[in-house]
Amino acid sequence: MNIIPIKTETDYNKALKRLETIFTAEIGTPESDEADILGLLIDEFEKKHFPIEAPDPIEAIKIRMEEMQLKQIDLINEIGGKSRVSEILNRKRKLTVEMIRKLTIRLNLSPEILINDYQLTR
């Protein structure tokens, strides 16, 4: 087992190739331990060099609604009124602090996602 830090794109590609080879190693073997360590190194490199931006608040709400199989009408208690829900989801109106509090609980979303700014459409 010769594990080195992943510092370059070349190191990253070599690590991916090696992980692909040993990924299904039997647990408890040196190859399995190597796969665990490589996985952590690869994950850290990807977080640093290929960050994934969080979706904007409205996109996050829509994704969670789809996951929970909710319709717009299901968010009336959190947003207030059928037309208000439509305005929020169509980016015609901004979320308020109170809406964010309620949506955080109802949709189990992080407040950090919901407080991000987003563009309104005209």
PDB file of N, CA and C in Angstrom:
ATOM      1  N   MET A   1       0.862  -1.175   0.000  1.00  0.00           N
ATOM      2  CA  MET A   1       0.000   0.000   0.000  1.00  0.00           C
ATOM      3  C   MET A   1       0.904   1.232   0.000  1.00  0.00           C
ATOM      4  N   ASN A   2       0.812   2.010  -1.059  1.00  0.00           N
ATOM      5  CA  ASN A   2       1.632   3.207  -1.205  1.00  0.00           C
ATOM      6  C   ASN A   2       0.716   4.399  -1.434  1.00  0.00           C
ATOM      7  N   ILE A   3       0.168   4.950  -0.357  1.00  0.00           N
ATOM      8  CA  ILE A   3      -0.771   6.062  -0.460  1.00  0.00           C
ATOM      9  C   ILE A   3      -0.008   7.369  -0.306  1.00  0.00           C
ATOM     10  N   ILE A   4      -0.260   8.281  -1.259  1.00  0.00           N
ATOM     11  CA  ILE A   4       0.361   9.602  -1.217  1.00  0.00           C
ATOM     12  C   ILE A   4      -0.739  10.662  -1.247  1.00  0.00           C
ATOM     13  N   PRO A   5      -0.459  11.856  -0.753  1.00  0.00           N
ATOM     14  CA  PRO A   5      -1.467  12.920  -0.809  1.00  0.00           C
ATOM     15  C   PRO A   5      -1.857  13.229  -2.260  1.00  0.00           C
ATOM     16  N   ILE A   6      -3.082  13.647  -2.443  1.00  0.00           N
ATOM     17  CA  ILE A   6      -3.569  14.023  -3.777  1.00  0.00           C
ATOM     18  C   ILE A   6      -3.402  15.534  -3.889  1.00  0.00           C
ATOM     19  N   LYS A   7      -2.423  15.950  -4.691  1.00  0.00           N
ATOM     20  CA  LYS A   7      -2.115  17.373  -4.825  1.00  0.00           C
ATOM     21  C   LYS A   7      -2.426  17.928  -6.207  1.00  0.00           C
ATOM     22  N   THR A   8      -2.472  17.044  -7.195  1.00  0.00           N
ATOM     23  CA  THR A   8      -2.665  17.498  -8.576  1.00  0.00           C
ATOM     24  C   THR A   8      -3.781  16.700  -9.234  1.00  0.00           C
ATOM     25  N   GLU A   9      -4.186  17.173 -10.388  1.00  0.00           N
ATOM     26  CA  GLU A   9      -5.198  16.466 -11.182  1.00  0.00           C
ATOM     27  C   GLU A   9      -4.692  15.071 -11.571  1.00  0.00           C
ATOM     28  N   THR A  10      -3.397  14.959 -11.844  1.00  0.00           N
ATOM     29  CA  THR A  10      -2.804  13.661 -12.190  1.00  0.00           C
ATOM     30  C   THR A  10      -2.889  12.710 -10.994  1.00  0.00           C
ATOM     31  N   ASP A  11      -2.540  13.212  -9.796  1.00  0.00           N
ATOM     32  CA  ASP A  11      -2.658  12.401  -8.576  1.00  0.00           C
ATOM     33  C   ASP A  11      -4.101  11.945  -8.385  1.00  0.00           C
ATOM     34  N   TYR A  12      -5.020  12.865  -8.616  1.00  0.00           N
ATOM     35  CA  TYR A  12      -6.455  12.584  -8.461  1.00  0.00           C
ATOM     36  C   TYR A  12      -6.893  11.470  -9.407  1.00  0.00           C
ATOM     37  N   ASN A  13      -6.496  11.571 -10.669  1.00  0.00           N
ATOM     38  CA  ASN A  13      -6.885  10.554 -11.652  1.00  0.00           C
ATOM     39  C   ASN A  13      -6.272   9.193 -11.324  1.00  0.00           C
ATOM     40  N   LYS A  14      -5.027   9.178 -10.848  1.00  0.00           N
ATOM     41  CA  LYS A  14      -4.389   7.921 -10.440  1.00  0.00           C
ATOM     42  C   LYS A  14      -5.136   7.306  -9.253  1.00  0.00           C
ATOM     43  N   ALA A  15      -5.508   8.152  -8.311  1.00  0.00           N
ATOM     44  CA  ALA A  15      -6.227   7.664  -7.132  1.00  0.00           C
ATOM     45  C   ALA A  15      -7.582   7.089  -7.522  1.00  0.00           C
ATOM     46  N   LEU A  16      -8.283   7.761  -8.434  1.00  0.00           N
ATOM     47  CA  LEU A  16      -9.573   7.250  -8.909  1.00  0.00           C
ATOM     48  C   LEU A  16      -9.408   5.894  -9.577  1.00  0.00           C
ATOM     49  N   LYS A  17      -8.396   5.782 -10.414  1.00  0.00           N
ATOM     50  CA  LYS A  17      -8.144   4.523 -11.123  1.00  0.00           C
ATOM     51  C   LYS A  17      -7.824   3.399 -10.132  1.00  0.00           C
ATOM     52  N   ARG A  18      -6.997   3.704  -9.127  1.00  0.00           N
ATOM     53  CA  ARG A  18      -6.644   2.705  -8.120  1.00  0.00           C
ATOM     54  C   ARG A  18      -7.866   2.316  -7.295  1.00  0.00           C
ATOM     55  N   LEU A  19      -8.666   3.294  -6.914  1.00  0.00           N
ATOM     56  CA  LEU A  19      -9.869   3.009  -6.135  1.00  0.00           C
ATOM     57  C   LEU A  19     -10.819   2.118  -6.919  1.00  0.00           C
ATOM     58  N   GLU A  20     -10.938   2.371  -8.202  1.00  0.00           N
ATOM     59  CA  GLU A  20     -11.789   1.547  -9.062  1.00  0.00           C
ATOM     60  C   GLU A  20     -11.328   0.085  -9.034  1.00  0.00           C
ATOM     61  N   THR A  21     -10.027  -0.116  -8.990  1.00  0.00           N
ATOM     62  CA  THR A  21      -9.455  -1.462  -8.984  1.00  0.00           C
ATOM     63  C   THR A  21      -9.712  -2.191  -7.665  1.00  0.00           C
ATOM     64  N   ILE A  22      -9.614  -1.473  -6.541  1.00  0.00           N
ATOM     65  CA  ILE A  22      -9.710  -2.128  -5.227  1.00  0.00           C
ATOM     66  C   ILE A  22     -11.039  -1.889  -4.516  1.00  0.00           C
ATOM     67  N   PHE A  23     -11.976  -1.263  -5.175  1.00  0.00           N
ATOM     68  CA  PHE A  23     -13.236  -0.854  -4.548  1.00  0.00           C
ATOM     69  C   PHE A  23     -13.985  -2.030  -3.920  1.00  0.00           C
ATOM     70  N   THR A  24     -13.972  -3.173  -4.550  1.00  0.00           N
ATOM     71  CA  THR A  24     -14.740  -4.322  -4.052  1.00  0.00           C
ATOM     72  C   THR A  24     -13.893  -5.270  -3.211  1.00  0.00           C
ATOM     73  N   ALA A  25     -12.774  -4.778  -2.689  1.00  0.00           N
ATOM     74  CA  ALA A  25     -11.910  -5.617  -1.854  1.00  0.00           C
ATOM     75  C   ALA A  25     -12.668  -6.095  -0.620  1.00  0.00           C
ATOM     76  N   GLU A  26     -12.342  -7.277  -0.175  1.00  0.00           N
ATOM     77  CA  GLU A  26     -12.984  -7.859   0.995  1.00  0.00           C
ATOM     78  C   GLU A  26     -12.620  -7.047   2.237  1.00  0.00           C
ATOM     79  N   ILE A  27     -13.606  -6.763   3.061  1.00  0.00           N
ATOM     80  CA  ILE A  27     -13.406  -5.973   4.270  1.00  0.00           C
ATOM     81  C   ILE A  27     -12.395  -6.672   5.177  1.00  0.00           C
ATOM     82  N   GLY A  28     -11.493  -5.865   5.727  1.00  0.00           N
ATOM     83  CA  GLY A  28     -10.475  -6.405   6.615  1.00  0.00           C
ATOM     84  C   GLY A  28      -9.152  -6.673   5.925  1.00  0.00           C
ATOM     85  N   THR A  29      -9.138  -6.541   4.608  1.00  0.00           N
ATOM     86  CA  THR A  29      -7.894  -6.758   3.869  1.00  0.00           C
ATOM     87  C   THR A  29      -7.145  -5.429   3.727  1.00  0.00           C
ATOM     88  N   PRO A  30      -5.840  -5.498   3.450  1.00  0.00           N
ATOM     89  CA  PRO A  30      -5.095  -4.250   3.225  1.00  0.00           C
ATOM     90  C   PRO A  30      -5.682  -3.412   2.088  1.00  0.00           C
ATOM     91  N   GLU A  31      -6.205  -4.076   1.043  1.00  0.00           N
ATOM     92  CA  GLU A  31      -6.808  -3.346  -0.075  1.00  0.00           C
ATOM     93  C   GLU A  31      -8.073  -2.606   0.366  1.00  0.00           C
ATOM     94  N   SER A  32      -8.838  -3.221   1.259  1.00  0.00           N
ATOM     95  CA  SER A  32     -10.043  -2.568   1.778  1.00  0.00           C
ATOM     96  C   SER A  32      -9.662  -1.323   2.584  1.00  0.00           C
ATOM     97  N   ASP A  33      -8.621  -1.449   3.413  1.00  0.00           N
ATOM     98  CA  ASP A  33      -8.143  -0.295   4.182  1.00  0.00           C
ATOM     99  C   ASP A  33      -7.647   0.803   3.240  1.00  0.00           C
ATOM    100  N   GLU A  34      -6.937   0.400   2.212  1.00  0.00           N
ATOM    101  CA  GLU A  34      -6.431   1.358   1.224  1.00  0.00           C
ATOM    102  C   GLU A  34      -7.594   2.073   0.536  1.00  0.00           C
ATOM    103  N   ALA A  35      -8.642   1.318   0.194  1.00  0.00           N
ATOM    104  CA  ALA A  35      -9.816   1.912  -0.456  1.00  0.00           C
ATOM    105  C   ALA A  35     -10.474   2.951   0.459  1.00  0.00           C
ATOM    106  N   ASP A  36     -10.558   2.648   1.743  1.00  0.00           N
ATOM    107  CA  ASP A  36     -11.140   3.599   2.703  1.00  0.00           C
ATOM    108  C   ASP A  36     -10.341   4.903   2.737  1.00  0.00           C
ATOM    109  N   ILE A  37      -9.025   4.768   2.818  1.00  0.00           N
ATOM    110  CA  ILE A  37      -8.162   5.952   2.886  1.00  0.00           C
ATOM    111  C   ILE A  37      -8.207   6.737   1.575  1.00  0.00           C
ATOM    112  N   LEU A  38      -8.127   6.020   0.455  1.00  0.00           N
ATOM    113  CA  LEU A  38      -8.203   6.700  -0.852  1.00  0.00           C
ATOM    114  C   LEU A  38      -9.524   7.437  -1.005  1.00  0.00           C
ATOM    115  N   GLY A  39     -10.599   6.814  -0.553  1.00  0.00           N
ATOM    116  CA  GLY A  39     -11.914   7.455  -0.635  1.00  0.00           C
ATOM    117  C   GLY A  39     -11.937   8.783   0.100  1.00  0.00           C
ATOM    118  N   LEU A  40     -11.324   8.818   1.282  1.00  0.00           N
ATOM    119  CA  LEU A  40     -11.265  10.059   2.054  1.00  0.00           C
ATOM    120  C   LEU A  40     -10.415  11.119   1.348  1.00  0.00           C
ATOM    121  N   LEU A  41      -9.260  10.684   0.826  1.00  0.00           N
ATOM    122  CA  LEU A  41      -8.391  11.628   0.115  1.00  0.00           C
ATOM    123  C   LEU A  41      -9.069  12.190  -1.131  1.00  0.00           C
ATOM    124  N   ILE A  42      -9.731  11.331  -1.871  1.00  0.00           N
ATOM    125  CA  ILE A  42     -10.439  11.757  -3.083  1.00  0.00           C
ATOM    126  C   ILE A  42     -11.556  12.734  -2.721  1.00  0.00           C
ATOM    127  N   ASP A  43     -12.302  12.417  -1.668  1.00  0.00           N
ATOM    128  CA  ASP A  43     -13.400  13.286  -1.230  1.00  0.00           C
ATOM    129  C   ASP A  43     -12.889  14.676  -0.862  1.00  0.00           C
ATOM    130  N   GLU A  44     -11.799  14.749  -0.133  1.00  0.00           N
ATOM    131  CA  GLU A  44     -11.223  16.040   0.250  1.00  0.00           C
ATOM    132  C   GLU A  44     -10.754  16.834  -0.971  1.00  0.00           C
ATOM    133  N   PHE A  45     -10.116  16.154  -1.918  1.00  0.00           N
ATOM    134  CA  PHE A  45      -9.649  16.820  -3.133  1.00  0.00           C
ATOM    135  C   PHE A  45     -10.843  17.374  -3.916  1.00  0.00           C
ATOM    136  N   GLU A  46     -11.904  16.577  -4.031  1.00  0.00           N
ATOM    137  CA  GLU A  46     -13.091  17.011  -4.770  1.00  0.00           C
ATOM    138  C   GLU A  46     -13.776  18.191  -4.091  1.00  0.00           C
ATOM    139  N   LYS A  47     -13.869  18.166  -2.776  1.00  0.00           N
ATOM    140  CA  LYS A  47     -14.485  19.291  -2.055  1.00  0.00           C
ATOM    141  C   LYS A  47     -13.715  20.585  -2.298  1.00  0.00           C
ATOM    142  N   LYS A  48     -12.405  20.470  -2.352  1.00  0.00           N
ATOM    143  CA  LYS A  48     -11.557  21.641  -2.521  1.00  0.00           C
ATOM    144  C   LYS A  48     -11.545  22.148  -3.964  1.00  0.00           C
ATOM    145  N   HIS A  49     -11.510  21.231  -4.930  1.00  0.00           N
ATOM    146  CA  HIS A  49     -11.329  21.617  -6.328  1.00  0.00           C
ATOM    147  C   HIS A  49     -12.597  21.580  -7.178  1.00  0.00           C
ATOM    148  N   PHE A  50     -13.621  20.884  -6.733  1.00  0.00           N
ATOM    149  CA  PHE A  50     -14.874  20.788  -7.487  1.00  0.00           C
ATOM    150  C   PHE A  50     -16.063  21.027  -6.553  1.00  0.00           C
ATOM    151  N   PRO A  51     -16.103  22.199  -5.897  1.00  0.00           N
ATOM    152  CA  PRO A  51     -17.194  22.420  -4.943  1.00  0.00           C
ATOM    153  C   PRO A  51     -18.554  22.447  -5.635  1.00  0.00           C
ATOM    154  N   ILE A  52     -19.520  21.918  -4.940  1.00  0.00           N
ATOM    155  CA  ILE A  52     -20.903  21.921  -5.453  1.00  0.00           C
ATOM    156  C   ILE A  52     -21.652  23.016  -4.710  1.00  0.00           C
ATOM    157  N   GLU A  53     -22.152  23.963  -5.462  1.00  0.00           N
ATOM    158  CA  GLU A  53     -22.902  25.045  -4.835  1.00  0.00           C
ATOM    159  C   GLU A  53     -24.293  24.563  -4.450  1.00  0.00           C
ATOM    160  N   ALA A  54     -24.737  25.036  -3.321  1.00  0.00           N
ATOM    161  CA  ALA A  54     -26.080  24.697  -2.869  1.00  0.00           C
ATOM    162  C   ALA A  54     -27.095  25.334  -3.815  1.00  0.00           C
ATOM    163  N   PRO A  55     -28.225  24.682  -4.011  1.00  0.00           N
ATOM    164  CA  PRO A  55     -29.246  25.288  -4.869  1.00  0.00           C
ATOM    165  C   PRO A  55     -29.782  26.558  -4.218  1.00  0.00           C
ATOM    166  N   ASP A  56     -30.326  27.437  -5.029  1.00  0.00           N
ATOM    167  CA  ASP A  56     -30.913  28.632  -4.432  1.00  0.00           C
ATOM    168  C   ASP A  56     -32.151  28.210  -3.631  1.00  0.00           C
ATOM    169  N   PRO A  57     -32.648  29.082  -2.756  1.00  0.00           N
ATOM    170  CA  PRO A  57     -33.739  28.702  -1.861  1.00  0.00           C
ATOM    171  C   PRO A  57     -34.974  28.145  -2.575  1.00  0.00           C
ATOM    172  N   ILE A  58     -35.363  28.770  -3.661  1.00  0.00           N
ATOM    173  CA  ILE A  58     -36.577  28.324  -4.359  1.00  0.00           C
ATOM    174  C   ILE A  58     -36.357  26.951  -4.982  1.00  0.00           C
ATOM    175  N   GLU A  59     -35.191  26.744  -5.567  1.00  0.00           N
ATOM    176  CA  GLU A  59     -34.881  25.435  -6.147  1.00  0.00           C
ATOM    177  C   GLU A  59     -34.845  24.368  -5.055  1.00  0.00           C
ATOM    178  N   ALA A  60     -34.278  24.712  -3.904  1.00  0.00           N
ATOM    179  CA  ALA A  60     -34.224  23.768  -2.777  1.00  0.00           C
ATOM    180  C   ALA A  60     -35.634  23.392  -2.319  1.00  0.00           C
ATOM    181  N   ILE A  61     -36.521  24.380  -2.244  1.00  0.00           N
ATOM    182  CA  ILE A  61     -37.914  24.117  -1.853  1.00  0.00           C
ATOM    183  C   ILE A  61     -38.575  23.191  -2.859  1.00  0.00           C
ATOM    184  N   LYS A  62     -38.386  23.481  -4.144  1.00  0.00           N
ATOM    185  CA  LYS A  62     -39.001  22.652  -5.186  1.00  0.00           C
ATOM    186  C   LYS A  62     -38.474  21.218  -5.169  1.00  0.00           C
ATOM    187  N   ILE A  63     -37.178  21.074  -4.949  1.00  0.00           N
ATOM    188  CA  ILE A  63     -36.583  19.730  -4.879  1.00  0.00           C
ATOM    189  C   ILE A  63     -37.180  18.964  -3.707  1.00  0.00           C
ATOM    190  N   ARG A  64     -37.249  19.621  -2.546  1.00  0.00           N
ATOM    191  CA  ARG A  64     -37.787  18.943  -1.368  1.00  0.00           C
ATOM    192  C   ARG A  64     -39.266  18.627  -1.534  1.00  0.00           C
ATOM    193  N   MET A  65     -40.011  19.534  -2.184  1.00  0.00           N
ATOM    194  CA  MET A  65     -41.430  19.258  -2.437  1.00  0.00           C
ATOM    195  C   MET A  65     -41.569  18.000  -3.291  1.00  0.00           C
ATOM    196  N   GLU A  66     -40.732  17.888  -4.304  1.00  0.00           N
ATOM    197  CA  GLU A  66     -40.783  16.714  -5.174  1.00  0.00           C
ATOM    198  C   GLU A  66     -40.439  15.450  -4.381  1.00  0.00           C
ATOM    199  N   GLU A  67     -39.403  15.529  -3.553  1.00  0.00           N
ATOM    200  CA  GLU A  67     -38.995  14.376  -2.745  1.00  0.00           C
ATOM    201  C   GLU A  67     -40.106  13.936  -1.793  1.00  0.00           C
ATOM    202  N   MET A  68     -40.816  14.921  -1.240  1.00  0.00           N
ATOM    203  CA  MET A  68     -41.868  14.633  -0.271  1.00  0.00           C
ATOM    204  C   MET A  68     -43.239  14.485  -0.933  1.00  0.00           C
ATOM    205  N   GLN A  69     -43.265  14.591  -2.253  1.00  0.00           N
ATOM    206  CA  GLN A  69     -44.495  14.500  -3.046  1.00  0.00           C
ATOM    207  C   GLN A  69     -45.554  15.499  -2.564  1.00  0.00           C
ATOM    208  N   LEU A  70     -45.110  16.749  -2.409  1.00  0.00           N
ATOM    209  CA  LEU A  70     -46.008  17.814  -1.978  1.00  0.00           C
ATOM    210  C   LEU A  70     -46.419  18.667  -3.166  1.00  0.00           C
ATOM    211  N   LYS A  71     -47.602  19.237  -3.064  1.00  0.00           N
ATOM    212  CA  LYS A  71     -48.086  20.183  -4.062  1.00  0.00           C
ATOM    213  C   LYS A  71     -48.012  21.583  -3.441  1.00  0.00           C
ATOM    214  N   GLN A  72     -48.193  22.598  -4.293  1.00  0.00           N
ATOM    215  CA  GLN A  72     -48.144  23.972  -3.788  1.00  0.00           C
ATOM    216  C   GLN A  72     -49.129  24.178  -2.643  1.00  0.00           C
ATOM    217  N   ILE A  73     -50.291  23.610  -2.758  1.00  0.00           N
ATOM    218  CA  ILE A  73     -51.332  23.787  -1.740  1.00  0.00           C
ATOM    219  C   ILE A  73     -50.880  23.270  -0.368  1.00  0.00           C
ATOM    220  N   ASP A  74     -49.939  22.318  -0.368  1.00  0.00           N
ATOM    221  CA  ASP A  74     -49.451  21.753   0.885  1.00  0.00           C
ATOM    222  C   ASP A  74     -48.585  22.734   1.683  1.00  0.00           C
ATOM    223  N   LEU A  75     -48.167  23.838   1.060  1.00  0.00           N
ATOM    224  CA  LEU A  75     -47.318  24.810   1.754  1.00  0.00           C
ATOM    225  C   LEU A  75     -48.068  26.077   2.173  1.00  0.00           C
ATOM    226  N   ILE A  76     -49.372  26.048   2.084  1.00  0.00           N
ATOM    227  CA  ILE A  76     -50.168  27.228   2.446  1.00  0.00           C
ATOM    228  C   ILE A  76     -49.935  27.633   3.899  1.00  0.00           C
ATOM    229  N   ASN A  77     -49.875  26.673   4.818  1.00  0.00           N
ATOM    230  CA  ASN A  77     -49.672  27.009   6.234  1.00  0.00           C
ATOM    231  C   ASN A  77     -48.320  27.669   6.476  1.00  0.00           C
ATOM    232  N   GLU A  78     -47.322  27.294   5.691  1.00  0.00           N
ATOM    233  CA  GLU A  78     -45.984  27.834   5.887  1.00  0.00           C
ATOM    234  C   GLU A  78     -45.778  29.166   5.164  1.00  0.00           C
ATOM    235  N   ILE A  79     -46.439  29.336   4.030  1.00  0.00           N
ATOM    236  CA  ILE A  79     -46.206  30.538   3.222  1.00  0.00           C
ATOM    237  C   ILE A  79     -47.380  31.500   3.286  1.00  0.00           C
ATOM    238  N   GLY A  80     -48.593  30.972   3.333  1.00  0.00           N
ATOM    239  CA  GLY A  80     -49.759  31.830   3.492  1.00  0.00           C
ATOM    240  C   GLY A  80     -50.525  32.072   2.214  1.00  0.00           C
ATOM    241  N   GLY A  81     -51.571  31.327   1.985  1.00  0.00           N
ATOM    242  CA  GLY A  81     -52.430  31.538   0.831  1.00  0.00           C
ATOM    243  C   GLY A  81     -51.893  30.905  -0.435  1.00  0.00           C
ATOM    244  N   LYS A  82     -52.825  30.419  -1.240  1.00  0.00           N
ATOM    245  CA  LYS A  82     -52.479  29.743  -2.486  1.00  0.00           C
ATOM    246  C   LYS A  82     -51.720  30.664  -3.442  1.00  0.00           C
ATOM    247  N   SER A  83     -52.166  31.902  -3.572  1.00  0.00           N
ATOM    248  CA  SER A  83     -51.504  32.826  -4.499  1.00  0.00           C
ATOM    249  C   SER A  83     -50.123  33.220  -3.978  1.00  0.00           C
ATOM    250  N   ARG A  84     -49.961  33.336  -2.669  1.00  0.00           N
ATOM    251  CA  ARG A  84     -48.662  33.676  -2.088  1.00  0.00           C
ATOM    252  C   ARG A  84     -47.654  32.549  -2.356  1.00  0.00           C
ATOM    253  N   VAL A  85     -48.086  31.292  -2.212  1.00  0.00           N
ATOM    254  CA  VAL A  85     -47.209  30.155  -2.498  1.00  0.00           C
ATOM    255  C   VAL A  85     -46.758  30.214  -3.950  1.00  0.00           C
ATOM    256  N   SER A  86     -47.692  30.485  -4.841  1.00  0.00           N
ATOM    257  CA  SER A  86     -47.387  30.580  -6.269  1.00  0.00           C
ATOM    258  C   SER A  86     -46.387  31.714  -6.536  1.00  0.00           C
ATOM    259  N   GLU A  87     -46.602  32.862  -5.904  1.00  0.00           N
ATOM    260  CA  GLU A  87     -45.691  34.000  -6.087  1.00  0.00           C
ATOM    261  C   GLU A  87     -44.271  33.654  -5.628  1.00  0.00           C
ATOM    262  N   ILE A  88     -44.155  32.976  -4.487  1.00  0.00           N
ATOM    263  CA  ILE A  88     -42.834  32.586  -3.972  1.00  0.00           C
ATOM    264  C   ILE A  88     -42.172  31.610  -4.934  1.00  0.00           C
ATOM    265  N   LEU A  89     -42.880  30.543  -5.300  1.00  0.00           N
ATOM    266  CA  LEU A  89     -42.284  29.504  -6.139  1.00  0.00           C
ATOM    267  C   LEU A  89     -41.997  29.976  -7.563  1.00  0.00           C
ATOM    268  N   ASN A  90     -42.671  31.029  -7.981  1.00  0.00           N
ATOM    269  CA  ASN A  90     -42.408  31.595  -9.312  1.00  0.00           C
ATOM    270  C   ASN A  90     -41.492  32.818  -9.239  1.00  0.00           C
ATOM    271  N   ARG A  91     -40.898  33.026  -8.069  1.00  0.00           N
ATOM    272  CA  ARG A  91     -39.899  34.082  -7.863  1.00  0.00           C
ATOM    273  C   ARG A  91     -40.456  35.496  -8.073  1.00  0.00           C
ATOM    274  N   LYS A  92     -41.711  35.668  -7.748  1.00  0.00           N
ATOM    275  CA  LYS A  92     -42.332  36.997  -7.855  1.00  0.00           C
ATOM    276  C   LYS A  92     -42.253  37.745  -6.523  1.00  0.00           C
ATOM    277  N   ARG A  93     -41.994  37.001  -5.445  1.00  0.00           N
ATOM    278  CA  ARG A  93     -41.953  37.571  -4.106  1.00  0.00           C
ATOM    279  C   ARG A  93     -40.860  36.856  -3.319  1.00  0.00           C
ATOM    280  N   LYS A  94     -40.220  37.584  -2.397  1.00  0.00           N
ATOM    281  CA  LYS A  94     -39.156  37.015  -1.561  1.00  0.00           C
ATOM    282  C   LYS A  94     -39.738  36.297  -0.346  1.00  0.00           C
ATOM    283  N   LEU A  95     -38.994  35.318   0.134  1.00  0.00           N
ATOM    284  CA  LEU A  95     -39.339  34.647   1.382  1.00  0.00           C
ATOM    285  C   LEU A  95     -39.154  35.619   2.546  1.00  0.00           C
ATOM    286  N   THR A  96     -40.028  35.532   3.526  1.00  0.00           N
ATOM    287  CA  THR A  96     -39.871  36.328   4.746  1.00  0.00           C
ATOM    288  C   THR A  96     -39.203  35.459   5.810  1.00  0.00           C
ATOM    289  N   VAL A  97     -38.763  36.088   6.874  1.00  0.00           N
ATOM    290  CA  VAL A  97     -38.135  35.350   7.976  1.00  0.00           C
ATOM    291  C   VAL A  97     -39.118  34.320   8.541  1.00  0.00           C
ATOM    292  N   GLU A  98     -40.356  34.704   8.685  1.00  0.00           N
ATOM    293  CA  GLU A  98     -41.369  33.793   9.230  1.00  0.00           C
ATOM    294  C   GLU A  98     -41.590  32.594   8.302  1.00  0.00           C
ATOM    295  N   MET A  99     -41.634  32.836   7.000  1.00  0.00           N
ATOM    296  CA  MET A  99     -41.774  31.738   6.037  1.00  0.00           C
ATOM    297  C   MET A  99     -40.580  30.790   6.148  1.00  0.00           C
ATOM    298  N   ILE A 100     -39.388  31.361   6.250  1.00  0.00           N
ATOM    299  CA  ILE A 100     -38.169  30.555   6.341  1.00  0.00           C
ATOM    300  C   ILE A 100     -38.219  29.676   7.589  1.00  0.00           C
ATOM    301  N   ARG A 101     -38.640  30.250   8.703  1.00  0.00           N
ATOM    302  CA  ARG A 101     -38.757  29.459   9.944  1.00  0.00           C
ATOM    303  C   ARG A 101     -39.699  28.274   9.756  1.00  0.00           C
ATOM    304  N   LYS A 102     -40.851  28.534   9.185  1.00  0.00           N
ATOM    305  CA  LYS A 102     -41.842  27.475   9.010  1.00  0.00           C
ATOM    306  C   LYS A 102     -41.407  26.443   7.975  1.00  0.00           C
ATOM    307  N   LEU A 103     -40.803  26.908   6.877  1.00  0.00           N
ATOM    308  CA  LEU A 103     -40.349  25.986   5.827  1.00  0.00           C
ATOM    309  C   LEU A 103     -39.193  25.108   6.307  1.00  0.00           C
ATOM    310  N   THR A 104     -38.347  25.664   7.160  1.00  0.00           N
ATOM    311  CA  THR A 104     -37.238  24.897   7.728  1.00  0.00           C
ATOM    312  C   THR A 104     -37.780  23.661   8.446  1.00  0.00           C
ATOM    313  N   ILE A 105     -38.838  23.855   9.203  1.00  0.00           N
ATOM    314  CA  ILE A 105     -39.438  22.752   9.957  1.00  0.00           C
ATOM    315  C   ILE A 105     -40.223  21.823   9.030  1.00  0.00           C
ATOM    316  N   ARG A 106     -41.087  22.386   8.204  1.00  0.00           N
ATOM    317  CA  ARG A 106     -41.972  21.581   7.349  1.00  0.00           C
ATOM    318  C   ARG A 106     -41.197  20.737   6.349  1.00  0.00           C
ATOM    319  N   LEU A 107     -40.156  21.334   5.745  1.00  0.00           N
ATOM    320  CA  LEU A 107     -39.419  20.648   4.681  1.00  0.00           C
ATOM    321  C   LEU A 107     -38.089  20.061   5.169  1.00  0.00           C
ATOM    322  N   ASN A 108     -37.791  20.260   6.434  1.00  0.00           N
ATOM    323  CA  ASN A 108     -36.534  19.772   7.002  1.00  0.00           C
ATOM    324  C   ASN A 108     -35.344  20.249   6.173  1.00  0.00           C
ATOM    325  N   LEU A 109     -35.338  21.550   5.894  1.00  0.00           N
ATOM    326  CA  LEU A 109     -34.240  22.179   5.158  1.00  0.00           C
ATOM    327  C   LEU A 109     -33.428  23.036   6.109  1.00  0.00           C
ATOM    328  N   SER A 110     -32.172  23.191   5.808  1.00  0.00           N
ATOM    329  CA  SER A 110     -31.303  24.034   6.606  1.00  0.00           C
ATOM    330  C   SER A 110     -31.682  25.501   6.400  1.00  0.00           C
ATOM    331  N   PRO A 111     -31.748  26.270   7.487  1.00  0.00           N
ATOM    332  CA  PRO A 111     -32.038  27.700   7.321  1.00  0.00           C
ATOM    333  C   PRO A 111     -30.987  28.394   6.453  1.00  0.00           C
ATOM    334  N   GLU A 112     -29.739  27.894   6.481  1.00  0.00           N
ATOM    335  CA  GLU A 112     -28.674  28.495   5.678  1.00  0.00           C
ATOM    336  C   GLU A 112     -29.014  28.467   4.186  1.00  0.00           C
ATOM    337  N   ILE A 113     -29.684  27.422   3.743  1.00  0.00           N
ATOM    338  CA  ILE A 113     -30.070  27.335   2.330  1.00  0.00           C
ATOM    339  C   ILE A 113     -31.171  28.355   2.032  1.00  0.00           C
ATOM    340  N   LEU A 114     -32.145  28.437   2.928  1.00  0.00           N
ATOM    341  CA  LEU A 114     -33.310  29.288   2.672  1.00  0.00           C
ATOM    342  C   LEU A 114     -33.027  30.780   2.802  1.00  0.00           C
ATOM    343  N   ILE A 115     -31.990  31.156   3.549  1.00  0.00           N
ATOM    344  CA  ILE A 115     -31.726  32.596   3.697  1.00  0.00           C
ATOM    345  C   ILE A 115     -30.878  33.164   2.561  1.00  0.00           C
ATOM    346  N   ASN A 116     -30.342  32.296   1.710  1.00  0.00           N
ATOM    347  CA  ASN A 116     -29.567  32.806   0.566  1.00  0.00           C
ATOM    348  C   ASN A 116     -30.444  33.659  -0.321  1.00  0.00           C
ATOM    349  N   ASP A 117     -29.831  34.664  -0.915  1.00  0.00           N
ATOM    350  CA  ASP A 117     -30.573  35.574  -1.788  1.00  0.00           C
ATOM    351  C   ASP A 117     -30.814  34.924  -3.150  1.00  0.00           C
ATOM    352  N   TYR A 118     -31.808  35.381  -3.846  1.00  0.00           N
ATOM    353  CA  TYR A 118     -32.118  34.901  -5.185  1.00  0.00           C
ATOM    354  C   TYR A 118     -32.804  36.015  -5.967  1.00  0.00           C
ATOM    355  N   GLN A 119     -32.759  35.894  -7.274  1.00  0.00           N
ATOM    356  CA  GLN A 119     -33.320  36.914  -8.153  1.00  0.00           C
ATOM    357  C   GLN A 119     -34.815  36.740  -8.318  1.00  0.00           C
ATOM    358  N   LEU A 120     -35.530  37.853  -8.260  1.00  0.00           N
ATOM    359  CA  LEU A 120     -36.948  37.837  -8.584  1.00  0.00           C
ATOM    360  C   LEU A 120     -37.115  37.943 -10.088  1.00  0.00           C
ATOM    361  N   THR A 121     -38.213  37.388 -10.596  1.00  0.00           N
ATOM    362  CA  THR A 121     -38.518  37.543 -12.014  1.00  0.00           C
ATOM    363  C   THR A 121     -39.636  38.559 -12.164  1.00  0.00           C
ATOM    364  N   ARG A 122     -39.666  39.184 -13.270  1.00  0.00           N
ATOM    365  CA  ARG A 122     -40.710  40.206 -13.506  1.00  0.00           C
ATOM    366  C   ARG A 122     -41.772  39.673 -14.395  1.00  0.00           C
TER     367      ARG A 122
END
